[in-house]
């Protein structure tokens, strides 16, 4: 999108920031995924799911990592990759420090609790295993993972032990929770212990409800598809300068049987307009003159026409069946 010439300064700024945040998020998830896979990917008593998106009853849970063990303990992990110091106060409020300036950020703990509510509601509809006539319901635990290099300032009176660095994941899910569990909790977990095969079956029940979503970034940033795309010369991208002999004209009835380069490329299933222009160049229908794409005499005979729009600049129209002739 940044390569488009018709973007406003504000759109370019928003897109640049979005790219940075996406890269940071992907990097954080990759680091966490590496740590989780290193210890648990091949563990027979665990099921590991990455990047799970659940839709249920009009609510959505975008879960970075989900870990399930034989006691049906489900660890819902939210990954954050802050490039600044992270501070948590006594009220559970999160602040990130950028260039010595504090910026309040949404609580990943609160965000993760919403994910868990969706999972709990979904679990009630799943065909989970039963024992003595009772359904074995999973127990959900929230975990927030940050980079191993992250510096965290924690409050003294608020329990933040479930905010961990990625390298602590194995110790946290195997030892920390056991140490802090009550006797009743331990016996309750033992009572619903299942086989490794059942763990995998339960994991598959969750993944069957995975609903990936492809963001519409063009709509997000208010980018509209121009009806005409100027032809460009590879590999340099440049806007066409209107030629003196090209004038603004109204579209006639005859031209309705012709398509612009962009629409013709789409109709032919090509990747982009440039791929179509390459084909035209190979057939001698267009040529590059002084860095500009122009119709050849052969191109004009084939039905190609040069047009000009006061909004989108110079463009070409072509017969729909130009490659059939």
Protein backbone atom coordinates (compact mmCIF):
# COMPACT_ATOMS: atom_id res chain seq x y z
CA UNK A 1 0.00 0.00 0.00
CA UNK A 2 2.88 2.38 0.69
CA UNK A 3 3.87 2.10 -2.99
CA UNK A 4 0.63 3.77 -4.06
CA UNK A 5 1.07 7.33 -5.22
CA UNK A 6 -2.36 8.63 -4.20
CA UNK A 7 -1.93 8.32 -0.42
CA UNK A 8 -2.24 11.28 1.91
CA UNK A 9 0.50 12.07 4.41
CA UNK A 10 -1.77 10.90 7.23
CA UNK A 11 -2.47 7.58 5.48
CA UNK A 12 1.25 6.97 4.96
CA UNK A 13 1.91 7.69 8.62
CA UNK A 14 -0.86 5.33 9.80
CA UNK A 15 0.27 2.55 7.45
CA UNK A 16 3.90 2.91 8.56
CA UNK A 17 2.86 2.65 12.22
CA UNK A 18 0.64 -0.36 11.46
CA UNK A 19 3.53 -2.16 9.75
CA UNK A 20 5.76 -1.49 12.75
CA UNK A 21 3.16 -2.80 15.21
CA UNK A 22 2.51 -5.89 13.09
CA UNK A 23 6.23 -6.65 12.90
CA UNK A 24 6.56 -6.24 16.66
CA UNK A 25 3.59 -8.51 17.25
CA UNK A 26 4.86 -11.19 14.86
CA UNK A 27 8.31 -11.05 16.44
CA UNK A 28 6.85 -11.46 19.92
CA UNK A 29 4.69 -14.41 18.86
CA UNK A 30 7.61 -16.08 17.10
CA UNK A 31 9.83 -15.76 20.17
CA UNK A 32 7.11 -17.15 22.42
CA UNK A 33 6.31 -19.93 19.97
CA UNK A 34 9.97 -20.93 19.90
CA UNK A 35 10.14 -21.20 23.70
CA UNK A 36 6.87 -23.16 23.89
CA UNK A 37 7.79 -25.54 21.07
CA UNK A 38 11.28 -26.10 22.47
CA UNK A 39 9.86 -27.67 25.62
CA UNK A 40 6.37 -28.87 24.78
CA UNK A 41 5.94 -29.44 21.05
CA UNK A 42 6.96 -33.11 21.23
CA UNK A 43 5.71 -33.72 24.77
CA UNK A 44 3.13 -36.54 24.61
CA UNK A 45 1.21 -35.21 27.59
CA UNK A 46 0.63 -31.76 26.13
CA UNK A 47 -1.26 -30.32 23.19
CA UNK A 48 0.02 -27.02 21.79
CA UNK A 49 -2.04 -24.72 19.55
CA UNK A 50 -0.71 -21.47 18.06
CA UNK A 51 -2.67 -18.54 16.62
CA UNK A 52 -6.22 -19.70 17.32
CA UNK A 53 -9.17 -17.47 16.51
CA UNK A 54 -12.54 -18.46 17.93
CA UNK A 55 -15.95 -16.95 17.14
CA UNK A 56 -18.81 -17.93 19.44
CA UNK A 57 -22.15 -16.31 20.22
CA UNK A 58 -21.11 -13.05 18.55
CA UNK A 59 -17.87 -12.80 20.52
CA UNK A 60 -14.32 -13.30 19.28
CA UNK A 61 -11.20 -14.63 21.01
CA UNK A 62 -7.87 -14.14 19.23
CA UNK A 63 -5.55 -16.46 21.16
CA UNK A 64 -1.80 -16.41 20.59
CA UNK A 65 -1.06 -19.79 22.23
CA UNK A 66 -3.15 -22.49 23.91
CA UNK A 67 -1.57 -25.26 26.04
CA UNK A 68 -3.57 -28.28 27.26
CA UNK A 69 -2.29 -30.99 29.61
CA UNK A 70 -3.66 -34.34 30.80
CA UNK A 71 -5.37 -32.73 33.80
CA UNK A 72 -7.38 -30.57 31.38
CA UNK A 73 -5.52 -27.48 32.54
CA UNK A 74 -5.75 -25.03 29.65
CA UNK A 75 -3.22 -22.20 29.64
CA UNK A 76 -4.40 -19.27 27.54
CA UNK A 77 -1.31 -17.27 26.61
CA UNK A 78 -1.36 -13.68 25.42
CA UNK A 79 1.94 -12.54 23.88
CA UNK A 80 3.16 -8.95 24.12
CA UNK A 81 6.37 -7.62 22.58
CA UNK A 82 6.92 -4.20 24.12
CA UNK A 83 9.87 -2.20 22.86
CA UNK A 84 9.78 -0.17 26.06
CA UNK A 85 9.90 -0.71 29.80
CA UNK A 86 6.69 -2.13 31.21
CA UNK A 87 5.26 -0.89 34.50
CA UNK A 88 2.28 -2.31 36.41
CA UNK A 89 0.80 -0.37 39.32
CA UNK A 90 -1.14 -1.54 42.37
CA UNK A 91 -4.45 -1.17 40.49
CA UNK A 92 -3.34 -3.48 37.71
CA UNK A 93 -2.90 -0.63 35.23
CA UNK A 94 -0.24 -1.05 32.55
CA UNK A 95 2.12 1.67 31.39
CA UNK A 96 4.77 1.43 28.69
CA UNK A 97 7.65 3.91 28.72
CA UNK A 98 8.81 5.18 25.32
CA UNK A 99 11.67 7.68 25.26
CA UNK A 100 11.16 8.31 28.99
CA UNK A 101 7.50 9.16 28.39
CA UNK A 102 4.72 7.05 29.98
CA UNK A 103 1.94 5.79 27.72
CA UNK A 104 -1.05 3.97 29.17
CA UNK A 105 -1.86 0.70 27.39
CA UNK A 106 -4.78 -1.76 27.65
CA UNK A 107 -4.31 -4.50 30.21
CA UNK A 108 -3.32 -7.76 28.50
CA UNK A 109 -4.67 -9.57 31.57
CA UNK A 110 -8.14 -8.07 31.05
CA UNK A 111 -7.89 -8.83 27.35
CA UNK A 112 -7.01 -12.44 28.06
CA UNK A 113 -9.88 -12.83 30.52
CA UNK A 114 -12.27 -11.97 27.70
CA UNK A 115 -10.67 -14.70 25.60
CA UNK A 116 -11.18 -17.17 28.44
CA UNK A 117 -14.87 -16.23 28.77
CA UNK A 118 -15.35 -17.10 25.10
CA UNK A 119 -13.52 -20.42 25.56
CA UNK A 120 -15.61 -21.29 28.63
CA UNK A 121 -18.82 -20.63 26.77
CA UNK A 122 -17.63 -22.66 23.78
CA UNK A 123 -16.54 -25.56 26.04
CA UNK A 124 -20.11 -25.97 27.27
CA UNK A 125 -21.17 -26.82 23.70
CA UNK A 126 -18.34 -29.27 22.93
CA UNK A 127 -18.63 -33.08 23.19
CA UNK A 128 -16.06 -33.29 25.99
CA UNK A 129 -15.26 -36.62 27.65
CA UNK A 130 -17.34 -37.79 30.61
CA UNK A 131 -16.56 -39.74 33.76
CA UNK A 132 -19.21 -41.23 36.04
CA UNK A 133 -21.81 -39.40 34.01
CA UNK A 134 -20.18 -35.99 34.54
CA UNK A 135 -18.59 -33.91 31.79
CA UNK A 136 -14.90 -33.22 32.38
CA UNK A 137 -14.68 -29.44 32.00
CA UNK A 138 -11.28 -27.77 31.40
CA UNK A 139 -9.79 -25.30 33.86
CA UNK A 140 -8.54 -22.10 32.21
CA UNK A 141 -5.53 -20.09 33.36
CA UNK A 142 -4.45 -16.74 31.97
CA UNK A 143 -0.78 -16.16 31.13
CA UNK A 144 0.85 -13.08 29.63
CA UNK A 145 4.24 -13.66 28.02
CA UNK A 146 6.70 -10.89 27.22
CA UNK A 147 10.15 -10.83 25.65
CA UNK A 148 13.06 -12.29 27.57
CA UNK A 149 14.70 -8.86 27.33
CA UNK A 150 11.69 -7.03 28.70
CA UNK A 151 12.15 -5.07 31.92
CA UNK A 152 9.06 -5.28 34.13
CA UNK A 153 8.31 -3.08 37.14
CA UNK A 154 5.84 -4.97 39.32
CA UNK A 155 3.65 -3.74 42.21
CA UNK A 156 4.36 -5.11 45.70
CA UNK A 157 0.79 -5.87 46.74
CA UNK A 158 -0.69 -7.13 43.47
CA UNK A 159 -0.11 -10.70 42.30
CA UNK A 160 1.43 -10.56 38.83
CA UNK A 161 3.08 -13.97 38.75
CA UNK A 162 1.15 -14.92 35.62
CA UNK A 163 3.00 -12.19 33.70
CA UNK A 164 6.17 -14.02 32.72
CA UNK A 165 9.08 -13.89 30.34
CA UNK A 166 8.98 -16.37 27.48
CA UNK A 167 11.88 -18.43 28.81
CA UNK A 168 9.94 -19.14 32.05
CA UNK A 169 7.06 -20.97 30.40
CA UNK A 170 8.11 -24.54 31.22
CA UNK A 171 8.74 -23.82 34.89
CA UNK A 172 5.53 -21.82 35.13
CA UNK A 173 3.16 -24.44 33.73
CA UNK A 174 4.81 -27.42 35.41
CA UNK A 175 6.08 -26.18 38.77
CA UNK A 176 4.72 -22.77 39.74
CA UNK A 177 1.08 -23.78 39.52
CA UNK A 178 1.64 -27.07 41.35
CA UNK A 179 3.38 -25.25 44.19
CA UNK A 180 0.51 -22.79 44.54
CA UNK A 181 -2.35 -25.26 44.08
CA UNK A 182 -4.45 -26.30 47.06
CA UNK A 183 -4.85 -29.96 48.03
CA UNK A 184 -8.44 -29.87 46.79
CA UNK A 185 -7.34 -28.52 43.43
CA UNK A 186 -4.66 -31.21 43.07
CA UNK A 187 -7.09 -34.04 43.84
CA UNK A 188 -9.67 -32.47 41.54
CA UNK A 189 -7.12 -32.43 38.73
CA UNK A 190 -6.15 -36.05 39.33
CA UNK A 191 -9.81 -37.07 39.21
CA UNK A 192 -10.15 -35.77 35.65
CA UNK A 193 -6.77 -36.90 34.32
CA UNK A 194 -7.15 -38.18 30.74
CA UNK A 195 -4.98 -40.03 28.25
CA UNK A 196 -2.62 -38.26 25.82
CA UNK A 197 -4.94 -39.31 23.00
CA UNK A 198 -7.87 -37.58 24.71
CA UNK A 199 -5.76 -34.44 25.12
CA UNK A 200 -5.24 -34.36 21.36
CA UNK A 201 -8.95 -34.98 20.73
CA UNK A 202 -9.88 -32.04 22.94
CA UNK A 203 -7.32 -29.85 21.17
CA UNK A 204 -8.91 -30.81 17.85
CA UNK A 205 -12.34 -29.82 19.18
CA UNK A 206 -11.02 -26.30 19.73
CA UNK A 207 -9.24 -26.09 16.37
CA UNK A 208 -12.42 -27.10 14.53
CA UNK A 209 -13.82 -23.74 15.65
CA UNK A 210 -10.86 -21.79 14.28
CA UNK A 211 -12.13 -18.93 12.14
CA UNK A 212 -9.21 -17.04 10.54
CA UNK A 213 -9.81 -13.44 9.58
CA UNK A 214 -8.04 -11.50 6.84
CA UNK A 215 -7.99 -7.82 7.84
CA UNK A 216 -9.22 -5.31 5.27
CA UNK A 217 -6.41 -2.81 5.63
CA UNK A 218 -7.52 -0.76 2.63
CA UNK A 219 -10.86 -0.12 4.29
CA UNK A 220 -9.13 0.56 7.61
CA UNK A 221 -6.99 3.32 6.11
CA UNK A 222 -9.65 4.65 3.75
CA UNK A 223 -7.83 3.59 0.58
CA UNK A 224 -10.05 3.35 -2.46
CA UNK A 225 -9.22 1.38 -5.56
CA UNK A 226 -8.79 3.77 -8.49
CA UNK A 227 -10.86 2.81 -11.51
CA UNK A 228 -7.81 3.27 -13.69
CA UNK A 229 -4.22 2.38 -12.83
CA UNK A 230 -1.47 4.22 -14.75
CA UNK A 231 0.88 2.01 -16.75
CA UNK A 232 4.43 1.97 -15.38
CA UNK A 233 7.84 0.87 -16.52
CA UNK A 234 9.63 -1.86 -14.57
CA UNK A 235 11.35 -1.82 -12.20
CA UNK A 236 10.97 1.87 -11.44
CA UNK A 237 7.50 2.90 -10.33
CA UNK A 238 6.50 6.30 -11.64
CA UNK A 239 3.32 8.16 -12.54
CA UNK A 240 2.69 8.77 -16.22
CA UNK A 241 2.91 12.34 -17.50
CA UNK A 242 0.03 13.19 -19.85
CA UNK A 243 1.13 13.31 -23.49
CA UNK A 244 0.36 16.48 -25.48
CA UNK A 245 -1.73 14.59 -28.04
CA UNK A 246 -3.91 12.99 -25.32
CA UNK A 247 -7.04 14.93 -24.40
CA UNK A 248 -9.84 14.45 -21.91
CA UNK A 249 -12.81 12.74 -23.56
CA UNK A 250 -16.14 11.37 -22.43
CA UNK A 251 -16.59 7.61 -22.63
CA UNK A 252 -18.63 6.73 -25.70
CA UNK A 253 -20.90 3.75 -26.32
CA UNK A 254 -18.17 2.19 -28.45
CA UNK A 255 -15.75 2.28 -25.51
CA UNK A 256 -18.05 0.24 -23.28
CA UNK A 257 -16.79 -2.83 -25.15
CA UNK A 258 -13.26 -2.04 -23.98
CA UNK A 259 -11.61 -2.36 -20.58
CA UNK A 260 -8.92 -0.39 -18.81
CA UNK A 261 -5.57 -2.10 -18.28
CA UNK A 262 -6.33 -2.80 -14.63
CA UNK A 263 -9.76 -4.32 -15.33
CA UNK A 264 -8.45 -6.37 -18.25
CA UNK A 265 -5.61 -7.71 -16.10
CA UNK A 266 -8.11 -8.73 -13.43
CA UNK A 267 -10.39 -10.38 -16.00
CA UNK A 268 -7.46 -12.41 -17.37
CA UNK A 269 -6.44 -13.52 -13.85
CA UNK A 270 -3.07 -11.76 -13.94
CA UNK A 271 -1.25 -10.71 -10.77
CA UNK A 272 -1.27 -7.01 -11.58
CA UNK A 273 -1.44 -4.43 -14.36
CA UNK A 274 2.31 -4.53 -14.89
CA UNK A 275 2.15 -8.21 -15.89
CA UNK A 276 -0.40 -7.27 -18.58
CA UNK A 277 1.80 -4.43 -19.84
CA UNK A 278 4.73 -6.88 -20.07
CA UNK A 279 2.61 -9.10 -22.33
CA UNK A 280 1.64 -6.11 -24.47
CA UNK A 281 5.30 -5.13 -24.76
CA UNK A 282 6.24 -8.65 -25.88
CA UNK A 283 3.57 -8.46 -28.60
CA UNK A 284 4.73 -5.00 -29.67
CA UNK A 285 1.50 -3.28 -28.65
CA UNK A 286 3.25 -0.79 -26.32
CA UNK A 287 6.76 0.58 -26.03
CA UNK A 288 8.81 2.68 -23.63
CA UNK A 289 9.73 6.12 -24.99
CA UNK A 290 11.66 8.53 -22.75
CA UNK A 291 10.64 6.51 -19.71
CA UNK A 292 6.94 6.60 -20.58
CA UNK A 293 4.67 3.80 -21.81
CA UNK A 294 3.14 4.60 -25.21
CA UNK A 295 0.95 2.77 -27.71
CA UNK A 296 2.67 1.53 -30.86
CA UNK A 297 1.00 1.65 -34.27
CA UNK A 298 0.44 -2.08 -33.88
CA UNK A 299 -1.25 -1.44 -30.55
CA UNK A 300 -3.57 1.11 -32.11
CA UNK A 301 -4.46 -1.30 -34.92
CA UNK A 302 -5.24 -3.95 -32.29
CA UNK A 303 -7.77 -1.55 -30.76
CA UNK A 304 -5.76 -0.02 -27.93
CA UNK A 305 -6.51 3.62 -27.10
CA UNK A 306 -4.77 6.17 -24.89
CA UNK A 307 -7.03 8.15 -22.59
CA UNK A 308 -6.62 10.76 -19.89
CA UNK A 309 -8.51 11.29 -16.65
CA UNK A 310 -8.12 14.56 -14.70
CA UNK A 311 -8.19 12.45 -11.52
CA UNK A 312 -6.08 9.40 -12.37
CA UNK A 313 -3.98 10.71 -15.28
CA UNK A 314 -3.13 8.82 -18.46
CA UNK A 315 -4.36 5.27 -19.04
CA UNK A 316 -5.15 2.78 -21.80
CA UNK A 317 -8.31 0.93 -22.81
CA UNK A 318 -8.30 -2.35 -24.74
CA UNK A 319 -10.74 -4.64 -26.51
CA UNK A 320 -11.95 -7.40 -24.21
CA UNK A 321 -10.89 -10.05 -26.75
CA UNK A 322 -7.54 -8.50 -27.67
CA UNK A 323 -5.65 -11.74 -27.05
CA UNK A 324 -8.12 -13.70 -29.17
CA UNK A 325 -7.40 -11.76 -32.31
